[in-house]
Amino acid sequence: MSATTHVVLRPLATSLPLGFLALTVATTAFAALQLTWIPATDGRTIALGVLVLTVPLQLVACLMGFLSRDPVAATGMGLLSGTWGGVCLATLTSAPGALSDGLGVLVICAGIALLVPAAAATAKLVPAAVITLSAVRFILTGIAEIDGGRGWMQTAAWVGLVLAIVSLYAALALELEGSRSRTVLPLGRSGAALDVSEEPGVRSQL
């Protein structure tokens, strides 16, 4: 009598909306600080809030991405979580408004690293745009930290605000898609990512 093997798949909800919403909070808060909409002395409050909210939520999104077999989501969220964590710790341990060459190098390297998952996410154009804008935002911030020019910092902040809008849209579109099992707002899916009828975590791409 031959033994029968049963494979049970447990569908996992997409973690991208969680990570994108956490990103919206972080990039908007730091943009307000970079544009001097709030005083530099509030930088530590911003950093502490992002460290407590954005960093762990994006780490959860990263781990869920690996469990869902989506390396692009996992890699992107992992890099974002680590980078925001570094930015927050540097802000907390520096004088208000201080610039840092070391932080500049760190975020430029992180921005370049983010181009890897961005390049691999071409089957989902809107999520790819979020990762690409994140990369640009970090690279511009790094240049501003090293160069010290106010124009670079303001440009990074405005890119950060555009990133917040795109990230918010992506999160909403993915939430609606996940709850209704069909596309409500376009995400620019193509190829294997087109199939949204299956559960996230079971289909090949989130």
N, C-alpha and C. Protein backbone atom coordinates (compact mmCIF):
# COMPACT_ATOMS: atom_id res chain seq x y z
N MET A 1 0.85 -1.21 0.00
CA MET A 1 0.00 0.00 0.00
C MET A 1 0.89 1.25 0.00
N SER A 2 0.75 2.09 -1.01
CA SER A 2 1.61 3.27 -1.12
C SER A 2 1.13 4.39 -0.21
N ALA A 3 2.10 5.10 0.35
CA ALA A 3 1.77 6.21 1.24
C ALA A 3 1.37 7.43 0.41
N THR A 4 0.45 8.20 0.93
CA THR A 4 -0.01 9.41 0.26
C THR A 4 0.51 10.64 0.98
N THR A 5 1.10 11.51 0.23
CA THR A 5 1.64 12.75 0.79
C THR A 5 0.71 13.91 0.49
N HIS A 6 0.33 14.64 1.50
CA HIS A 6 -0.55 15.79 1.34
C HIS A 6 0.25 17.07 1.59
N VAL A 7 0.16 18.01 0.68
CA VAL A 7 0.81 19.31 0.83
C VAL A 7 -0.27 20.36 1.07
N VAL A 8 -0.19 21.02 2.20
CA VAL A 8 -1.18 22.03 2.56
C VAL A 8 -0.53 23.40 2.48
N LEU A 9 -1.11 24.27 1.67
CA LEU A 9 -0.63 25.64 1.54
C LEU A 9 -1.51 26.58 2.35
N ARG A 10 -0.88 27.40 3.18
CA ARG A 10 -1.63 28.37 3.97
C ARG A 10 -1.49 29.74 3.30
N PRO A 11 -2.57 30.25 2.71
CA PRO A 11 -2.47 31.56 2.04
C PRO A 11 -2.07 32.66 3.02
N LEU A 12 -1.21 33.53 2.57
CA LEU A 12 -0.76 34.67 3.38
C LEU A 12 -1.19 35.96 2.69
N ALA A 13 -1.72 36.87 3.47
CA ALA A 13 -2.12 38.17 2.90
C ALA A 13 -0.87 38.94 2.49
N THR A 14 -1.00 39.75 1.44
CA THR A 14 0.14 40.55 1.01
C THR A 14 0.53 41.55 2.10
N SER A 15 1.83 41.66 2.31
CA SER A 15 2.34 42.56 3.35
C SER A 15 2.70 43.93 2.79
N LEU A 16 2.60 44.11 1.48
CA LEU A 16 3.02 45.37 0.87
C LEU A 16 2.23 46.59 1.35
N PRO A 17 0.89 46.51 1.51
CA PRO A 17 0.19 47.71 2.02
C PRO A 17 0.71 48.18 3.37
N LEU A 18 1.01 47.24 4.25
CA LEU A 18 1.55 47.60 5.56
C LEU A 18 2.87 48.33 5.42
N GLY A 19 3.75 47.78 4.60
CA GLY A 19 5.05 48.41 4.40
C GLY A 19 4.96 49.75 3.72
N PHE A 20 4.06 49.87 2.74
CA PHE A 20 3.92 51.14 2.01
C PHE A 20 3.31 52.23 2.88
N LEU A 21 2.34 51.88 3.71
CA LEU A 21 1.74 52.88 4.60
C LEU A 21 2.76 53.34 5.65
N ALA A 22 3.55 52.42 6.15
CA ALA A 22 4.61 52.79 7.09
C ALA A 22 5.62 53.71 6.41
N LEU A 23 5.90 53.44 5.14
CA LEU A 23 6.80 54.30 4.36
C LEU A 23 6.21 55.70 4.19
N THR A 24 4.90 55.78 3.94
CA THR A 24 4.23 57.07 3.80
C THR A 24 4.43 57.94 5.03
N VAL A 25 4.30 57.32 6.20
CA VAL A 25 4.47 58.06 7.45
C VAL A 25 5.90 58.58 7.56
N ALA A 26 6.87 57.71 7.32
CA ALA A 26 8.28 58.08 7.51
C ALA A 26 8.72 59.17 6.54
N THR A 27 8.43 58.98 5.26
CA THR A 27 8.93 59.94 4.27
C THR A 27 8.25 61.29 4.41
N THR A 28 6.96 61.31 4.80
CA THR A 28 6.26 62.58 5.01
C THR A 28 6.81 63.31 6.22
N ALA A 29 7.03 62.57 7.31
CA ALA A 29 7.52 63.20 8.54
C ALA A 29 8.90 63.80 8.34
N PHE A 30 9.80 63.04 7.70
CA PHE A 30 11.14 63.58 7.49
C PHE A 30 11.16 64.68 6.43
N ALA A 31 10.24 64.62 5.47
CA ALA A 31 10.14 65.72 4.49
C ALA A 31 9.75 67.02 5.18
N ALA A 32 8.82 66.93 6.11
CA ALA A 32 8.41 68.13 6.86
C ALA A 32 9.59 68.71 7.63
N LEU A 33 10.44 67.83 8.15
CA LEU A 33 11.63 68.28 8.87
C LEU A 33 12.64 68.90 7.91
N GLN A 34 12.84 68.28 6.74
CA GLN A 34 13.81 68.79 5.77
C GLN A 34 13.38 70.12 5.16
N LEU A 35 12.08 70.33 5.04
CA LEU A 35 11.56 71.58 4.47
C LEU A 35 11.37 72.66 5.52
N THR A 36 11.76 72.35 6.76
CA THR A 36 11.66 73.26 7.93
C THR A 36 10.21 73.68 8.20
N TRP A 37 9.27 72.80 7.84
CA TRP A 37 7.88 73.05 8.23
C TRP A 37 7.72 72.91 9.73
N ILE A 38 8.61 72.14 10.33
CA ILE A 38 8.66 72.00 11.78
C ILE A 38 10.10 72.28 12.21
N PRO A 39 10.30 72.75 13.44
CA PRO A 39 11.66 73.12 13.86
C PRO A 39 12.59 71.90 13.95
N ALA A 40 13.87 72.16 13.76
CA ALA A 40 14.87 71.08 13.80
C ALA A 40 14.88 70.37 15.15
N THR A 41 14.49 71.08 16.20
CA THR A 41 14.47 70.46 17.52
C THR A 41 13.45 69.33 17.63
N ASP A 42 12.49 69.29 16.70
CA ASP A 42 11.51 68.20 16.70
C ASP A 42 12.02 66.98 15.93
N GLY A 43 13.24 67.05 15.44
CA GLY A 43 13.79 65.94 14.68
C GLY A 43 13.87 64.66 15.49
N ARG A 44 14.19 64.78 16.75
CA ARG A 44 14.30 63.58 17.59
C ARG A 44 12.93 62.95 17.82
N THR A 45 11.90 63.77 17.92
CA THR A 45 10.55 63.23 18.05
C THR A 45 10.15 62.47 16.79
N ILE A 46 10.46 63.06 15.62
CA ILE A 46 10.19 62.40 14.35
C ILE A 46 10.95 61.08 14.27
N ALA A 47 12.23 61.13 14.60
CA ALA A 47 13.06 59.93 14.52
C ALA A 47 12.56 58.82 15.44
N LEU A 48 12.17 59.19 16.65
CA LEU A 48 11.67 58.21 17.59
C LEU A 48 10.37 57.59 17.09
N GLY A 49 9.48 58.43 16.55
CA GLY A 49 8.22 57.92 16.03
C GLY A 49 8.41 56.97 14.86
N VAL A 50 9.30 57.32 13.94
CA VAL A 50 9.56 56.45 12.79
C VAL A 50 10.24 55.16 13.23
N LEU A 51 11.13 55.28 14.21
CA LEU A 51 11.83 54.09 14.71
C LEU A 51 10.87 53.11 15.35
N VAL A 52 9.86 53.63 16.04
CA VAL A 52 8.88 52.76 16.71
C VAL A 52 7.81 52.26 15.76
N LEU A 53 7.41 53.07 14.77
CA LEU A 53 6.31 52.71 13.88
C LEU A 53 6.79 52.09 12.56
N THR A 54 7.54 52.86 11.78
CA THR A 54 7.88 52.42 10.43
C THR A 54 8.84 51.24 10.41
N VAL A 55 9.91 51.32 11.18
CA VAL A 55 10.95 50.29 11.12
C VAL A 55 10.41 48.89 11.43
N PRO A 56 9.71 48.69 12.56
CA PRO A 56 9.21 47.33 12.83
C PRO A 56 8.13 46.87 11.86
N LEU A 57 7.26 47.79 11.40
CA LEU A 57 6.21 47.39 10.46
C LEU A 57 6.81 46.95 9.13
N GLN A 58 7.84 47.65 8.66
CA GLN A 58 8.48 47.24 7.41
C GLN A 58 9.28 45.95 7.60
N LEU A 59 9.79 45.73 8.80
CA LEU A 59 10.47 44.47 9.07
C LEU A 59 9.48 43.30 9.01
N VAL A 60 8.29 43.51 9.57
CA VAL A 60 7.24 42.49 9.48
C VAL A 60 6.88 42.24 8.01
N ALA A 61 6.73 43.32 7.24
CA ALA A 61 6.42 43.18 5.81
C ALA A 61 7.52 42.40 5.09
N CYS A 62 8.76 42.64 5.47
CA CYS A 62 9.89 41.92 4.89
C CYS A 62 9.78 40.42 5.17
N LEU A 63 9.56 40.06 6.42
CA LEU A 63 9.47 38.65 6.80
C LEU A 63 8.28 37.97 6.11
N MET A 64 7.15 38.68 6.03
CA MET A 64 5.99 38.12 5.35
C MET A 64 6.24 37.94 3.87
N GLY A 65 7.05 38.83 3.30
CA GLY A 65 7.40 38.70 1.89
C GLY A 65 8.19 37.42 1.64
N PHE A 66 9.13 37.11 2.53
CA PHE A 66 9.89 35.86 2.38
C PHE A 66 8.96 34.65 2.53
N LEU A 67 8.05 34.69 3.51
CA LEU A 67 7.12 33.58 3.70
C LEU A 67 6.18 33.41 2.51
N SER A 68 5.89 34.52 1.83
CA SER A 68 5.01 34.47 0.66
C SER A 68 5.78 34.17 -0.63
N ARG A 69 7.07 33.94 -0.51
CA ARG A 69 7.92 33.61 -1.65
C ARG A 69 7.99 34.76 -2.66
N ASP A 70 8.02 35.98 -2.15
CA ASP A 70 8.15 37.16 -3.00
C ASP A 70 9.46 37.87 -2.64
N PRO A 71 10.57 37.53 -3.32
CA PRO A 71 11.86 38.12 -2.94
C PRO A 71 11.94 39.62 -3.17
N VAL A 72 11.20 40.14 -4.15
CA VAL A 72 11.23 41.58 -4.41
C VAL A 72 10.63 42.34 -3.23
N ALA A 73 9.45 41.92 -2.78
CA ALA A 73 8.81 42.57 -1.63
C ALA A 73 9.67 42.43 -0.38
N ALA A 74 10.20 41.25 -0.16
CA ALA A 74 11.01 41.01 1.03
C ALA A 74 12.28 41.84 1.03
N THR A 75 12.96 41.87 -0.10
CA THR A 75 14.22 42.62 -0.18
C THR A 75 13.98 44.12 -0.06
N GLY A 76 12.97 44.62 -0.79
CA GLY A 76 12.66 46.04 -0.73
C GLY A 76 12.28 46.49 0.67
N MET A 77 11.39 45.74 1.32
CA MET A 77 10.96 46.13 2.66
C MET A 77 12.09 46.00 3.67
N GLY A 78 12.94 44.98 3.51
CA GLY A 78 14.07 44.82 4.42
C GLY A 78 15.05 45.97 4.33
N LEU A 79 15.36 46.37 3.10
CA LEU A 79 16.27 47.50 2.91
C LEU A 79 15.68 48.80 3.44
N LEU A 80 14.39 49.01 3.20
CA LEU A 80 13.74 50.22 3.70
C LEU A 80 13.73 50.26 5.23
N SER A 81 13.42 49.13 5.84
CA SER A 81 13.38 49.07 7.30
C SER A 81 14.75 49.38 7.89
N GLY A 82 15.79 48.76 7.35
CA GLY A 82 17.13 49.00 7.87
C GLY A 82 17.61 50.42 7.65
N THR A 83 17.29 50.97 6.48
CA THR A 83 17.74 52.33 6.17
C THR A 83 17.06 53.36 7.06
N TRP A 84 15.73 53.24 7.22
CA TRP A 84 15.03 54.16 8.10
C TRP A 84 15.53 54.02 9.54
N GLY A 85 15.85 52.79 9.93
CA GLY A 85 16.41 52.59 11.27
C GLY A 85 17.72 53.34 11.45
N GLY A 86 18.59 53.27 10.44
CA GLY A 86 19.85 53.98 10.50
C GLY A 86 19.66 55.49 10.54
N VAL A 87 18.75 55.99 9.71
CA VAL A 87 18.47 57.43 9.69
C VAL A 87 17.95 57.90 11.06
N CYS A 88 17.07 57.11 11.64
CA CYS A 88 16.50 57.48 12.94
C CYS A 88 17.56 57.51 14.04
N LEU A 89 18.41 56.49 14.07
CA LEU A 89 19.45 56.45 15.11
C LEU A 89 20.44 57.59 14.94
N ALA A 90 20.79 57.92 13.68
CA ALA A 90 21.69 59.04 13.44
C ALA A 90 21.06 60.36 13.89
N THR A 91 19.76 60.51 13.64
CA THR A 91 19.06 61.74 14.04
C THR A 91 18.97 61.84 15.55
N LEU A 92 18.72 60.73 16.21
CA LEU A 92 18.59 60.73 17.67
C LEU A 92 19.90 61.03 18.38
N THR A 93 21.01 60.68 17.76
CA THR A 93 22.31 60.84 18.42
C THR A 93 23.08 62.06 17.93
N SER A 94 22.47 62.88 17.09
CA SER A 94 23.13 64.07 16.56
C SER A 94 22.45 65.33 17.07
N ALA A 95 23.14 66.44 16.96
CA ALA A 95 22.54 67.72 17.33
C ALA A 95 21.43 68.06 16.34
N PRO A 96 20.40 68.78 16.78
CA PRO A 96 19.30 69.14 15.86
C PRO A 96 19.79 69.87 14.62
N GLY A 97 19.39 69.38 13.45
CA GLY A 97 19.77 70.01 12.19
C GLY A 97 21.16 69.69 11.70
N ALA A 98 21.91 68.87 12.44
CA ALA A 98 23.29 68.57 12.04
C ALA A 98 23.31 67.66 10.81
N LEU A 99 24.33 67.87 9.96
CA LEU A 99 24.54 67.03 8.79
C LEU A 99 25.66 66.04 9.08
N SER A 100 25.69 64.95 8.32
CA SER A 100 26.67 63.91 8.57
C SER A 100 27.12 63.28 7.27
N ASP A 101 28.43 63.32 7.00
CA ASP A 101 28.96 62.66 5.82
C ASP A 101 28.74 61.15 5.89
N GLY A 102 28.89 60.61 7.10
CA GLY A 102 28.69 59.17 7.28
C GLY A 102 27.28 58.73 6.95
N LEU A 103 26.31 59.51 7.43
CA LEU A 103 24.91 59.20 7.11
C LEU A 103 24.67 59.36 5.62
N GLY A 104 25.31 60.37 5.02
CA GLY A 104 25.15 60.57 3.58
C GLY A 104 25.62 59.37 2.78
N VAL A 105 26.78 58.83 3.14
CA VAL A 105 27.30 57.65 2.45
C VAL A 105 26.35 56.47 2.66
N LEU A 106 25.85 56.31 3.88
CA LEU A 106 24.96 55.19 4.20
C LEU A 106 23.70 55.22 3.34
N VAL A 107 23.03 56.37 3.26
CA VAL A 107 21.76 56.41 2.55
C VAL A 107 21.97 56.37 1.03
N ILE A 108 23.11 56.87 0.55
CA ILE A 108 23.39 56.73 -0.88
C ILE A 108 23.57 55.26 -1.23
N CYS A 109 24.33 54.53 -0.41
CA CYS A 109 24.52 53.09 -0.65
C CYS A 109 23.18 52.35 -0.57
N ALA A 110 22.34 52.74 0.39
CA ALA A 110 21.03 52.10 0.52
C ALA A 110 20.17 52.39 -0.70
N GLY A 111 20.23 53.62 -1.20
CA GLY A 111 19.47 53.98 -2.38
C GLY A 111 19.90 53.17 -3.59
N ILE A 112 21.20 53.00 -3.77
CA ILE A 112 21.70 52.19 -4.88
C ILE A 112 21.25 50.75 -4.73
N ALA A 113 21.30 50.23 -3.49
CA ALA A 113 20.87 48.85 -3.25
C ALA A 113 19.39 48.66 -3.58
N LEU A 114 18.57 49.68 -3.31
CA LEU A 114 17.14 49.59 -3.59
C LEU A 114 16.84 49.49 -5.08
N LEU A 115 17.78 49.90 -5.92
CA LEU A 115 17.57 49.80 -7.35
C LEU A 115 17.52 48.34 -7.82
N VAL A 116 18.07 47.43 -7.02
CA VAL A 116 18.04 46.00 -7.38
C VAL A 116 16.61 45.46 -7.32
N PRO A 117 15.89 45.55 -6.18
CA PRO A 117 14.50 45.09 -6.20
C PRO A 117 13.62 45.92 -7.12
N ALA A 118 13.93 47.20 -7.29
CA ALA A 118 13.15 48.04 -8.21
C ALA A 118 13.25 47.51 -9.64
N ALA A 119 14.46 47.11 -10.04
CA ALA A 119 14.66 46.58 -11.40
C ALA A 119 13.97 45.24 -11.58
N ALA A 120 13.85 44.48 -10.49
CA ALA A 120 13.22 43.16 -10.57
C ALA A 120 11.70 43.22 -10.46
N ALA A 121 11.15 44.40 -10.16
CA ALA A 121 9.70 44.53 -9.93
C ALA A 121 8.96 45.06 -11.14
N THR A 122 9.49 44.85 -12.34
CA THR A 122 8.89 45.42 -13.54
C THR A 122 7.51 44.85 -13.85
N ALA A 123 7.17 43.68 -13.29
CA ALA A 123 5.85 43.11 -13.52
C ALA A 123 4.77 43.84 -12.73
N LYS A 124 5.18 44.71 -11.80
CA LYS A 124 4.24 45.49 -10.99
C LYS A 124 4.75 46.93 -10.97
N LEU A 125 4.28 47.74 -11.91
CA LEU A 125 4.87 49.04 -12.15
C LEU A 125 4.71 50.01 -10.98
N VAL A 126 3.54 50.01 -10.33
CA VAL A 126 3.33 50.96 -9.23
C VAL A 126 4.21 50.62 -8.03
N PRO A 127 4.23 49.36 -7.55
CA PRO A 127 5.18 49.02 -6.49
C PRO A 127 6.64 49.29 -6.90
N ALA A 128 6.97 49.04 -8.18
CA ALA A 128 8.32 49.33 -8.65
C ALA A 128 8.60 50.83 -8.56
N ALA A 129 7.59 51.66 -8.86
CA ALA A 129 7.76 53.11 -8.75
C ALA A 129 8.01 53.54 -7.31
N VAL A 130 7.34 52.87 -6.36
CA VAL A 130 7.55 53.19 -4.94
C VAL A 130 9.00 52.91 -4.54
N ILE A 131 9.50 51.76 -4.94
CA ILE A 131 10.87 51.40 -4.58
C ILE A 131 11.87 52.32 -5.27
N THR A 132 11.62 52.64 -6.55
CA THR A 132 12.52 53.52 -7.30
C THR A 132 12.55 54.92 -6.69
N LEU A 133 11.38 55.45 -6.37
CA LEU A 133 11.32 56.78 -5.74
C LEU A 133 12.01 56.76 -4.37
N SER A 134 11.88 55.66 -3.64
CA SER A 134 12.59 55.54 -2.36
C SER A 134 14.09 55.61 -2.58
N ALA A 135 14.57 54.93 -3.62
CA ALA A 135 15.99 54.96 -3.94
C ALA A 135 16.45 56.37 -4.27
N VAL A 136 15.69 57.07 -5.10
CA VAL A 136 16.04 58.44 -5.48
C VAL A 136 16.02 59.35 -4.27
N ARG A 137 15.00 59.16 -3.41
CA ARG A 137 14.88 60.00 -2.21
C ARG A 137 16.11 59.85 -1.31
N PHE A 138 16.55 58.60 -1.10
CA PHE A 138 17.71 58.36 -0.24
C PHE A 138 18.99 58.89 -0.87
N ILE A 139 19.15 58.70 -2.17
CA ILE A 139 20.36 59.19 -2.84
C ILE A 139 20.45 60.71 -2.76
N LEU A 140 19.34 61.40 -2.99
CA LEU A 140 19.33 62.86 -2.90
C LEU A 140 19.60 63.33 -1.47
N THR A 141 19.02 62.62 -0.51
CA THR A 141 19.28 62.97 0.90
C THR A 141 20.75 62.78 1.23
N GLY A 142 21.34 61.70 0.71
CA GLY A 142 22.76 61.46 0.96
C GLY A 142 23.64 62.56 0.38
N ILE A 143 23.31 62.99 -0.83
CA ILE A 143 24.06 64.09 -1.44
C ILE A 143 23.93 65.36 -0.60
N ALA A 144 22.71 65.61 -0.10
CA ALA A 144 22.48 66.80 0.73
C ALA A 144 23.28 66.72 2.02
N GLU A 145 23.36 65.54 2.63
CA GLU A 145 24.12 65.37 3.87
C GLU A 145 25.61 65.64 3.64
N ILE A 146 26.14 65.21 2.51
CA ILE A 146 27.57 65.37 2.23
C ILE A 146 27.88 66.77 1.72
N ASP A 147 27.04 67.27 0.79
CA ASP A 147 27.29 68.56 0.16
C ASP A 147 26.92 69.73 1.06
N GLY A 148 25.88 69.53 1.86
CA GLY A 148 25.44 70.60 2.76
C GLY A 148 24.57 71.65 2.10
N GLY A 149 24.25 71.45 0.81
CA GLY A 149 23.45 72.43 0.10
C GLY A 149 21.97 72.34 0.44
N ARG A 150 21.37 73.49 0.69
CA ARG A 150 19.95 73.52 1.05
C ARG A 150 19.07 73.04 -0.10
N GLY A 151 19.50 73.33 -1.33
CA GLY A 151 18.72 72.93 -2.49
C GLY A 151 18.59 71.41 -2.61
N TRP A 152 19.67 70.69 -2.35
CA TRP A 152 19.62 69.23 -2.40
C TRP A 152 18.65 68.68 -1.36
N MET A 153 18.67 69.26 -0.17
CA MET A 153 17.79 68.77 0.90
C MET A 153 16.33 69.03 0.56
N GLN A 154 16.04 70.20 0.01
CA GLN A 154 14.66 70.50 -0.37
C GLN A 154 14.19 69.61 -1.52
N THR A 155 15.07 69.34 -2.47
CA THR A 155 14.71 68.44 -3.56
C THR A 155 14.41 67.05 -3.03
N ALA A 156 15.24 66.57 -2.12
CA ALA A 156 15.01 65.26 -1.51
C ALA A 156 13.66 65.23 -0.79
N ALA A 157 13.33 66.32 -0.11
CA ALA A 157 12.07 66.38 0.62
C ALA A 157 10.87 66.34 -0.31
N TRP A 158 10.94 67.10 -1.41
CA TRP A 158 9.81 67.12 -2.35
C TRP A 158 9.66 65.76 -3.04
N VAL A 159 10.77 65.12 -3.37
CA VAL A 159 10.69 63.75 -3.90
C VAL A 159 10.06 62.83 -2.85
N GLY A 160 10.41 63.08 -1.58
CA GLY A 160 9.82 62.29 -0.50
C GLY A 160 8.32 62.45 -0.40
N LEU A 161 7.82 63.64 -0.67
CA LEU A 161 6.37 63.87 -0.63
C LEU A 161 5.67 63.20 -1.82
N VAL A 162 6.31 63.24 -3.00
CA VAL A 162 5.78 62.51 -4.14
C VAL A 162 5.76 61.02 -3.83
N LEU A 163 6.83 60.54 -3.22
CA LEU A 163 6.90 59.13 -2.80
C LEU A 163 5.74 58.78 -1.87
N ALA A 164 5.41 59.68 -0.95
CA ALA A 164 4.32 59.43 -0.01
C ALA A 164 3.00 59.25 -0.74
N ILE A 165 2.75 60.08 -1.75
CA ILE A 165 1.49 59.98 -2.51
C ILE A 165 1.43 58.68 -3.29
N VAL A 166 2.52 58.32 -3.98
CA VAL A 166 2.55 57.09 -4.76
C VAL A 166 2.44 55.87 -3.85
N SER A 167 3.12 55.92 -2.71
CA SER A 167 3.08 54.81 -1.76
C SER A 167 1.68 54.64 -1.17
N LEU A 168 1.02 55.75 -0.88
CA LEU A 168 -0.35 55.69 -0.35
C LEU A 168 -1.30 55.09 -1.38
N TYR A 169 -1.15 55.51 -2.63
CA TYR A 169 -1.97 54.94 -3.71
C TYR A 169 -1.73 53.44 -3.84
N ALA A 170 -0.46 53.03 -3.83
CA ALA A 170 -0.13 51.61 -3.97
C ALA A 170 -0.74 50.80 -2.83
N ALA A 171 -0.67 51.32 -1.62
CA ALA A 171 -1.24 50.62 -0.47
C ALA A 171 -2.75 50.46 -0.61
N LEU A 172 -3.42 51.53 -1.03
CA LEU A 172 -4.87 51.47 -1.21
C LEU A 172 -5.25 50.48 -2.30
N ALA A 173 -4.53 50.53 -3.42
CA ALA A 173 -4.83 49.62 -4.53
C ALA A 173 -4.64 48.16 -4.13
N LEU A 174 -3.58 47.87 -3.39
CA LEU A 174 -3.32 46.50 -2.96
C LEU A 174 -4.33 46.03 -1.92
N GLU A 175 -4.73 46.93 -1.02
CA GLU A 175 -5.75 46.58 -0.03
C GLU A 175 -7.08 46.25 -0.69
N LEU A 176 -7.49 47.07 -1.64
CA LEU A 176 -8.75 46.82 -2.34
C LEU A 176 -8.67 45.53 -3.15
N GLU A 177 -7.54 45.32 -3.79
CA GLU A 177 -7.35 44.11 -4.59
C GLU A 177 -7.39 42.86 -3.71
N GLY A 178 -6.75 42.94 -2.54
CA GLY A 178 -6.73 41.79 -1.64
C GLY A 178 -8.09 41.48 -1.04
N SER A 179 -8.87 42.51 -0.76
CA SER A 179 -10.17 42.29 -0.12
C SER A 179 -11.25 41.87 -1.11
N ARG A 180 -11.08 42.23 -2.40
CA ARG A 180 -12.12 41.94 -3.40
C ARG A 180 -11.69 40.90 -4.43
N SER A 181 -10.44 40.46 -4.34
CA SER A 181 -9.90 39.43 -5.25
C SER A 181 -10.01 39.84 -6.72
N ARG A 182 -9.90 41.11 -6.96
CA ARG A 182 -9.88 41.63 -8.33
C ARG A 182 -9.24 43.01 -8.32
N THR A 183 -8.80 43.44 -9.48
CA THR A 183 -8.17 44.75 -9.58
C THR A 183 -9.22 45.85 -9.52
N VAL A 184 -9.06 46.78 -8.61
CA VAL A 184 -9.95 47.94 -8.48
C VAL A 184 -9.23 49.19 -8.98
N LEU A 185 -8.04 49.42 -8.48
CA LEU A 185 -7.19 50.51 -8.95
C LEU A 185 -5.99 49.90 -9.65
N PRO A 186 -5.63 50.39 -10.81
CA PRO A 186 -4.54 49.76 -11.58
C PRO A 186 -3.20 49.84 -10.87
N LEU A 187 -2.45 48.74 -10.95
CA LEU A 187 -1.12 48.67 -10.37
C LEU A 187 -0.03 48.45 -11.42
N GLY A 188 -0.46 48.38 -12.69
CA GLY A 188 0.51 48.15 -13.75
C GLY A 188 1.06 46.75 -13.76
N ARG A 189 0.21 45.78 -13.41
CA ARG A 189 0.67 44.38 -13.40
C ARG A 189 0.84 43.87 -14.82
N SER A 190 1.78 42.94 -14.99
CA SER A 190 1.98 42.27 -16.26
C SER A 190 2.57 40.89 -16.01
N GLY A 191 2.48 40.02 -17.00
CA GLY A 191 3.06 38.69 -16.88
C GLY A 191 2.44 37.88 -15.76
N ALA A 192 3.30 37.23 -14.96
CA ALA A 192 2.83 36.36 -13.87
C ALA A 192 2.08 37.12 -12.80
N ALA A 193 2.30 38.44 -12.72
CA ALA A 193 1.64 39.24 -11.68
C ALA A 193 0.20 39.58 -12.03
N LEU A 194 -0.24 39.24 -13.25
CA LEU A 194 -1.60 39.59 -13.67
C LEU A 194 -2.67 38.81 -12.92
N ASP A 195 -2.37 37.59 -12.49
CA ASP A 195 -3.37 36.73 -11.88
C ASP A 195 -3.63 37.16 -10.44
N VAL A 196 -4.75 37.82 -10.21
CA VAL A 196 -5.10 38.26 -8.85
C VAL A 196 -6.26 37.45 -8.29
N SER A 197 -6.66 36.40 -9.00
CA SER A 197 -7.82 35.60 -8.55
C SER A 197 -7.44 34.63 -7.44
N GLU A 198 -6.13 34.28 -7.35
CA GLU A 198 -5.70 33.39 -6.30
C GLU A 198 -5.31 34.17 -5.06
N GLU A 199 -5.19 33.43 -3.94
CA GLU A 199 -4.85 34.07 -2.68
C GLU A 199 -3.39 34.55 -2.69
N PRO A 200 -3.10 35.71 -2.10
CA PRO A 200 -1.71 36.11 -1.92
C PRO A 200 -0.99 35.04 -1.11
N GLY A 201 0.25 34.78 -1.45
CA GLY A 201 0.99 33.76 -0.74
C GLY A 201 0.87 32.41 -1.40
N VAL A 202 -0.11 32.27 -2.33
CA VAL A 202 -0.25 31.06 -3.10
C VAL A 202 0.09 31.35 -4.56
N ARG A 203 -0.37 32.51 -5.07
CA ARG A 203 -0.01 32.89 -6.43
C ARG A 203 1.47 33.22 -6.47
N SER A 204 2.05 33.24 -7.66
CA SER A 204 3.49 33.36 -7.79
C SER A 204 4.02 34.75 -7.43
N GLN A 205 3.19 35.79 -7.54
CA GLN A 205 3.62 37.15 -7.19
C GLN A 205 2.54 37.84 -6.40
N LEU A 206 2.95 38.61 -5.38
CA LEU A 206 1.98 39.37 -4.59
C LEU A 206 1.46 40.55 -5.40
